[in-house]
Amino acid sequence: MFGRDKKAPAGEAARAVAVVVRSTTRRDGSGEPTAHWGTFRVRFEDGVTAERAFKTAYREWLTKDLGNDRGLFRVVGEMLAVGATVPVRYDPADRAKFALDRAAFEAEVLARRPGEPA
């Protein structure tokens, strides 16, 4: 999960870009997205690749700063579509420890928030 990834690097981490290779969206009875999950693949500078599953639920995006914003969660889904690039962080000493860079991803989501200039 985005906020509680046990394999996320601690402390300072290197940054890379990953490509979403699989993506699924669960929807409620009205068609609104309730969760997004799939896999992203990162290619490190030396050409080695690794994959990691991701999952995020609508409730993870309910905060006092963001409110109950379904439009924002739709943007999250658009940004996790197959072929999209996402920022990741990894531990250079142990590249098995990598995860979505939540802060950078949130900033990109907020920049694309409905009603905001792109």
N, C-alpha and C. Protein backbone atom coordinates (compact mmCIF):
# COMPACT_ATOMS: atom_id res chain seq x y z
N MET A 1 0.84 -1.18 0.00
CA MET A 1 0.00 0.00 0.00
C MET A 1 0.88 1.24 0.00
N PHE A 2 0.35 2.30 -0.47
CA PHE A 2 1.16 3.49 -0.60
C PHE A 2 1.70 3.98 0.73
N GLY A 3 0.84 4.12 1.72
CA GLY A 3 1.26 4.74 2.96
C GLY A 3 1.93 3.82 3.96
N ARG A 4 1.80 2.49 3.76
CA ARG A 4 2.31 1.57 4.77
C ARG A 4 3.18 0.49 4.15
N ASP A 5 3.99 0.81 3.18
CA ASP A 5 4.79 -0.17 2.48
C ASP A 5 5.99 -0.56 3.33
N LYS A 6 6.03 -1.82 3.78
CA LYS A 6 7.11 -2.29 4.64
C LYS A 6 8.44 -2.39 3.90
N LYS A 7 8.43 -2.41 2.58
CA LYS A 7 9.67 -2.48 1.82
C LYS A 7 10.13 -1.11 1.36
N ALA A 8 9.44 -0.07 1.78
CA ALA A 8 9.85 1.27 1.41
C ALA A 8 11.18 1.59 2.08
N PRO A 9 12.07 2.28 1.37
CA PRO A 9 13.36 2.62 1.96
C PRO A 9 13.22 3.63 3.09
N ALA A 10 14.01 3.45 4.11
CA ALA A 10 14.02 4.39 5.24
C ALA A 10 15.07 5.46 4.98
N GLY A 11 14.89 6.62 5.55
CA GLY A 11 15.88 7.69 5.43
C GLY A 11 16.01 8.19 4.00
N GLU A 12 17.20 8.64 3.64
CA GLU A 12 17.44 9.15 2.30
C GLU A 12 17.39 8.00 1.30
N ALA A 13 16.79 8.25 0.19
CA ALA A 13 16.68 7.22 -0.83
C ALA A 13 16.94 7.83 -2.20
N ALA A 14 17.41 7.01 -3.10
CA ALA A 14 17.60 7.45 -4.47
C ALA A 14 16.24 7.46 -5.15
N ARG A 15 16.15 8.20 -6.24
CA ARG A 15 14.88 8.29 -6.95
C ARG A 15 15.03 7.72 -8.35
N ALA A 16 13.96 7.17 -8.83
CA ALA A 16 13.91 6.63 -10.18
C ALA A 16 12.49 6.80 -10.69
N VAL A 17 12.27 6.39 -11.92
CA VAL A 17 10.93 6.43 -12.51
C VAL A 17 10.55 5.01 -12.87
N ALA A 18 9.32 4.64 -12.57
CA ALA A 18 8.81 3.31 -12.90
C ALA A 18 7.67 3.46 -13.90
N VAL A 19 7.40 2.38 -14.60
CA VAL A 19 6.29 2.33 -15.56
C VAL A 19 5.25 1.36 -15.02
N VAL A 20 4.00 1.76 -15.05
CA VAL A 20 2.91 0.87 -14.64
C VAL A 20 2.73 -0.17 -15.73
N VAL A 21 2.83 -1.47 -15.36
CA VAL A 21 2.70 -2.54 -16.36
C VAL A 21 1.38 -3.30 -16.25
N ARG A 22 0.72 -3.23 -15.09
CA ARG A 22 -0.61 -3.81 -14.90
C ARG A 22 -1.39 -2.88 -13.99
N SER A 23 -2.68 -2.73 -14.28
CA SER A 23 -3.50 -1.83 -13.46
C SER A 23 -4.96 -2.29 -13.50
N THR A 24 -5.59 -2.29 -12.33
CA THR A 24 -6.99 -2.67 -12.19
C THR A 24 -7.68 -1.67 -11.28
N THR A 25 -8.93 -1.38 -11.56
CA THR A 25 -9.70 -0.48 -10.71
C THR A 25 -10.95 -1.21 -10.24
N ARG A 26 -11.21 -1.14 -8.94
CA ARG A 26 -12.48 -1.66 -8.40
C ARG A 26 -13.42 -0.48 -8.30
N ARG A 27 -14.70 -0.71 -8.65
CA ARG A 27 -15.70 0.36 -8.61
C ARG A 27 -16.87 -0.05 -7.74
N ASP A 28 -17.55 0.96 -7.18
CA ASP A 28 -18.75 0.68 -6.39
C ASP A 28 -19.96 0.59 -7.33
N GLY A 29 -21.14 0.41 -6.76
CA GLY A 29 -22.36 0.25 -7.55
C GLY A 29 -22.68 1.43 -8.46
N SER A 30 -22.21 2.62 -8.08
CA SER A 30 -22.48 3.79 -8.91
C SER A 30 -21.40 4.02 -9.98
N GLY A 31 -20.38 3.16 -10.00
CA GLY A 31 -19.32 3.29 -10.99
C GLY A 31 -18.13 4.10 -10.53
N GLU A 32 -18.19 4.62 -9.30
CA GLU A 32 -17.07 5.40 -8.78
C GLU A 32 -15.93 4.47 -8.36
N PRO A 33 -14.67 4.86 -8.62
CA PRO A 33 -13.55 4.00 -8.22
C PRO A 33 -13.42 3.94 -6.70
N THR A 34 -13.14 2.74 -6.19
CA THR A 34 -12.91 2.57 -4.74
C THR A 34 -11.50 2.11 -4.43
N ALA A 35 -10.82 1.51 -5.42
CA ALA A 35 -9.44 1.06 -5.21
C ALA A 35 -8.76 0.89 -6.56
N HIS A 36 -7.45 1.06 -6.56
CA HIS A 36 -6.61 0.83 -7.74
C HIS A 36 -5.47 -0.07 -7.30
N TRP A 37 -5.16 -1.08 -8.12
CA TRP A 37 -4.00 -1.91 -7.81
C TRP A 37 -3.39 -2.42 -9.10
N GLY A 38 -2.16 -2.88 -8.99
CA GLY A 38 -1.45 -3.38 -10.17
C GLY A 38 0.02 -3.56 -9.86
N THR A 39 0.85 -3.38 -10.89
CA THR A 39 2.29 -3.60 -10.78
C THR A 39 3.02 -2.49 -11.51
N PHE A 40 4.10 -2.01 -10.92
CA PHE A 40 4.96 -1.10 -11.67
C PHE A 40 6.36 -1.70 -11.75
N ARG A 41 7.07 -1.33 -12.81
CA ARG A 41 8.41 -1.85 -13.09
C ARG A 41 9.39 -0.69 -13.12
N VAL A 42 10.47 -0.85 -12.40
CA VAL A 42 11.52 0.18 -12.39
C VAL A 42 12.75 -0.38 -13.10
N ARG A 43 13.38 0.48 -13.88
CA ARG A 43 14.65 0.12 -14.54
C ARG A 43 15.72 1.01 -13.92
N PHE A 44 16.67 0.35 -13.28
CA PHE A 44 17.76 1.10 -12.64
C PHE A 44 18.78 1.53 -13.67
N GLU A 45 19.69 2.42 -13.27
CA GLU A 45 20.67 2.99 -14.21
C GLU A 45 21.52 1.94 -14.90
N ASP A 46 21.78 0.81 -14.22
CA ASP A 46 22.62 -0.24 -14.82
C ASP A 46 21.83 -1.20 -15.71
N GLY A 47 20.54 -0.93 -15.93
CA GLY A 47 19.71 -1.74 -16.80
C GLY A 47 18.93 -2.84 -16.10
N VAL A 48 19.22 -3.11 -14.84
CA VAL A 48 18.49 -4.13 -14.07
C VAL A 48 17.07 -3.63 -13.83
N THR A 49 16.08 -4.54 -13.95
CA THR A 49 14.70 -4.16 -13.70
C THR A 49 14.14 -4.94 -12.52
N ALA A 50 13.14 -4.38 -11.90
CA ALA A 50 12.46 -5.03 -10.78
C ALA A 50 11.00 -4.59 -10.82
N GLU A 51 10.12 -5.44 -10.30
CA GLU A 51 8.70 -5.11 -10.27
C GLU A 51 8.19 -5.11 -8.84
N ARG A 52 7.14 -4.34 -8.62
CA ARG A 52 6.52 -4.24 -7.31
C ARG A 52 5.03 -4.03 -7.49
N ALA A 53 4.25 -4.72 -6.69
CA ALA A 53 2.80 -4.54 -6.70
C ALA A 53 2.44 -3.26 -5.96
N PHE A 54 1.33 -2.65 -6.34
CA PHE A 54 0.83 -1.49 -5.61
C PHE A 54 -0.66 -1.66 -5.38
N LYS A 55 -1.15 -1.00 -4.36
CA LYS A 55 -2.58 -0.95 -4.10
C LYS A 55 -2.85 0.33 -3.32
N THR A 56 -3.89 1.02 -3.69
CA THR A 56 -4.32 2.18 -2.93
C THR A 56 -5.84 2.22 -2.95
N ALA A 57 -6.42 2.59 -1.84
CA ALA A 57 -7.87 2.65 -1.70
C ALA A 57 -8.31 4.09 -1.52
N TYR A 58 -9.54 4.35 -1.88
CA TYR A 58 -10.10 5.70 -1.76
C TYR A 58 -9.93 6.24 -0.35
N ARG A 59 -10.16 5.40 0.66
CA ARG A 59 -10.08 5.87 2.06
C ARG A 59 -8.69 6.40 2.42
N GLU A 60 -7.63 5.93 1.71
CA GLU A 60 -6.28 6.43 1.96
C GLU A 60 -6.13 7.88 1.53
N TRP A 61 -7.02 8.35 0.66
CA TRP A 61 -6.94 9.72 0.15
C TRP A 61 -7.91 10.65 0.86
N LEU A 62 -8.61 10.16 1.87
CA LEU A 62 -9.51 11.00 2.65
C LEU A 62 -8.71 11.64 3.78
N THR A 63 -8.39 12.89 3.62
CA THR A 63 -7.65 13.62 4.65
C THR A 63 -8.32 14.96 4.88
N LYS A 64 -7.97 15.59 5.96
CA LYS A 64 -8.58 16.90 6.22
C LYS A 64 -8.16 17.92 5.17
N ASP A 65 -6.98 17.74 4.56
CA ASP A 65 -6.52 18.68 3.54
C ASP A 65 -7.24 18.47 2.21
N LEU A 66 -7.54 17.20 1.89
CA LEU A 66 -8.11 16.90 0.58
C LEU A 66 -9.62 16.77 0.62
N GLY A 67 -10.18 16.43 1.78
CA GLY A 67 -11.62 16.28 1.90
C GLY A 67 -12.10 15.03 1.20
N ASN A 68 -13.39 15.00 0.90
CA ASN A 68 -14.02 13.85 0.25
C ASN A 68 -14.07 14.14 -1.24
N ASP A 69 -12.96 13.97 -1.93
CA ASP A 69 -12.82 14.41 -3.31
C ASP A 69 -12.73 13.21 -4.25
N ARG A 70 -13.87 12.77 -4.80
CA ARG A 70 -13.89 11.65 -5.74
C ARG A 70 -13.13 12.00 -7.02
N GLY A 71 -13.21 13.25 -7.43
CA GLY A 71 -12.49 13.66 -8.64
C GLY A 71 -11.00 13.46 -8.49
N LEU A 72 -10.48 13.74 -7.30
CA LEU A 72 -9.06 13.55 -7.05
C LEU A 72 -8.68 12.08 -7.16
N PHE A 73 -9.53 11.19 -6.64
CA PHE A 73 -9.22 9.76 -6.71
C PHE A 73 -9.33 9.25 -8.15
N ARG A 74 -10.16 9.87 -8.98
CA ARG A 74 -10.19 9.51 -10.40
C ARG A 74 -8.86 9.86 -11.05
N VAL A 75 -8.28 11.01 -10.66
CA VAL A 75 -6.96 11.40 -11.18
C VAL A 75 -5.92 10.36 -10.77
N VAL A 76 -5.99 9.87 -9.53
CA VAL A 76 -5.06 8.83 -9.08
C VAL A 76 -5.14 7.65 -10.04
N GLY A 77 -6.35 7.23 -10.38
CA GLY A 77 -6.53 6.11 -11.30
C GLY A 77 -5.95 6.38 -12.67
N GLU A 78 -6.15 7.58 -13.18
CA GLU A 78 -5.59 7.95 -14.49
C GLU A 78 -4.07 7.88 -14.45
N MET A 79 -3.49 8.30 -13.34
CA MET A 79 -2.03 8.33 -13.21
C MET A 79 -1.44 6.95 -12.95
N LEU A 80 -2.30 5.96 -12.65
CA LEU A 80 -1.84 4.59 -12.44
C LEU A 80 -2.25 3.68 -13.59
N ALA A 81 -2.58 4.26 -14.74
CA ALA A 81 -2.96 3.47 -15.91
C ALA A 81 -1.72 2.80 -16.51
N VAL A 82 -1.94 1.69 -17.20
CA VAL A 82 -0.83 0.99 -17.85
C VAL A 82 -0.09 1.94 -18.78
N GLY A 83 1.22 1.96 -18.68
CA GLY A 83 2.06 2.82 -19.50
C GLY A 83 2.43 4.13 -18.83
N ALA A 84 1.73 4.49 -17.76
CA ALA A 84 2.03 5.73 -17.04
C ALA A 84 3.36 5.58 -16.29
N THR A 85 4.03 6.69 -16.09
CA THR A 85 5.25 6.67 -15.28
C THR A 85 4.93 7.23 -13.90
N VAL A 86 5.58 6.65 -12.89
CA VAL A 86 5.38 7.07 -11.51
C VAL A 86 6.74 7.21 -10.84
N PRO A 87 6.86 8.15 -9.89
CA PRO A 87 8.14 8.30 -9.18
C PRO A 87 8.29 7.23 -8.10
N VAL A 88 9.48 6.68 -7.97
CA VAL A 88 9.76 5.70 -6.92
C VAL A 88 11.02 6.11 -6.16
N ARG A 89 11.13 5.56 -4.96
CA ARG A 89 12.33 5.74 -4.13
C ARG A 89 12.89 4.36 -3.87
N TYR A 90 14.21 4.27 -3.78
CA TYR A 90 14.81 2.99 -3.47
C TYR A 90 16.07 3.18 -2.64
N ASP A 91 16.47 2.12 -1.96
CA ASP A 91 17.68 2.11 -1.15
C ASP A 91 18.81 1.66 -2.06
N PRO A 92 19.80 2.52 -2.36
CA PRO A 92 20.88 2.13 -3.27
C PRO A 92 21.66 0.90 -2.77
N ALA A 93 21.69 0.69 -1.47
CA ALA A 93 22.40 -0.47 -0.91
C ALA A 93 21.59 -1.76 -1.04
N ASP A 94 20.28 -1.65 -1.20
CA ASP A 94 19.41 -2.82 -1.32
C ASP A 94 18.24 -2.45 -2.21
N ARG A 95 18.43 -2.61 -3.52
CA ARG A 95 17.42 -2.15 -4.47
C ARG A 95 16.13 -2.95 -4.39
N ALA A 96 16.12 -4.04 -3.63
CA ALA A 96 14.86 -4.75 -3.40
C ALA A 96 13.91 -3.90 -2.57
N LYS A 97 14.46 -2.92 -1.88
CA LYS A 97 13.65 -2.00 -1.08
C LYS A 97 13.32 -0.78 -1.92
N PHE A 98 12.23 -0.86 -2.64
CA PHE A 98 11.77 0.31 -3.39
C PHE A 98 10.26 0.40 -3.30
N ALA A 99 9.79 1.60 -3.44
CA ALA A 99 8.35 1.85 -3.31
C ALA A 99 8.01 3.13 -4.04
N LEU A 100 6.73 3.30 -4.29
CA LEU A 100 6.26 4.55 -4.87
C LEU A 100 6.68 5.70 -3.97
N ASP A 101 7.17 6.77 -4.57
CA ASP A 101 7.51 7.98 -3.81
C ASP A 101 6.21 8.72 -3.55
N ARG A 102 5.61 8.45 -2.41
CA ARG A 102 4.26 8.97 -2.09
C ARG A 102 4.21 10.49 -2.17
N ALA A 103 5.20 11.18 -1.61
CA ALA A 103 5.17 12.65 -1.60
C ALA A 103 5.21 13.21 -3.03
N ALA A 104 6.08 12.67 -3.86
CA ALA A 104 6.18 13.15 -5.24
C ALA A 104 4.92 12.81 -6.02
N PHE A 105 4.37 11.61 -5.80
CA PHE A 105 3.15 11.20 -6.49
C PHE A 105 1.98 12.09 -6.08
N GLU A 106 1.85 12.34 -4.78
CA GLU A 106 0.76 13.21 -4.31
C GLU A 106 0.86 14.60 -4.93
N ALA A 107 2.08 15.12 -5.04
CA ALA A 107 2.25 16.45 -5.64
C ALA A 107 1.78 16.44 -7.09
N GLU A 108 2.10 15.37 -7.83
CA GLU A 108 1.65 15.26 -9.22
C GLU A 108 0.12 15.15 -9.30
N VAL A 109 -0.46 14.38 -8.39
CA VAL A 109 -1.92 14.23 -8.36
C VAL A 109 -2.58 15.58 -8.09
N LEU A 110 -2.09 16.29 -7.08
CA LEU A 110 -2.68 17.58 -6.73
C LEU A 110 -2.54 18.59 -7.86
N ALA A 111 -1.44 18.52 -8.61
CA ALA A 111 -1.25 19.43 -9.74
C ALA A 111 -2.27 19.17 -10.84
N ARG A 112 -2.79 17.94 -10.90
CA ARG A 112 -3.77 17.59 -11.93
C ARG A 112 -5.19 17.54 -11.38
N ARG A 113 -5.38 18.02 -10.17
CA ARG A 113 -6.69 18.01 -9.53
C ARG A 113 -7.73 18.69 -10.40
N PRO A 114 -8.92 18.09 -10.51
CA PRO A 114 -9.97 18.72 -11.33
C PRO A 114 -10.21 20.16 -10.90
N GLY A 115 -10.33 21.03 -11.90
CA GLY A 115 -10.58 22.44 -11.61
C GLY A 115 -9.31 23.24 -11.44
N GLU A 116 -8.15 22.55 -11.37
CA GLU A 116 -6.88 23.25 -11.24
C GLU A 116 -6.23 23.34 -12.62
N PRO A 117 -5.46 24.38 -12.88
CA PRO A 117 -4.77 24.45 -14.17
C PRO A 117 -3.72 23.35 -14.27
N ALA A 118 -3.55 22.76 -15.43
CA ALA A 118 -2.60 21.65 -15.62
C ALA A 118 -1.18 22.13 -15.69
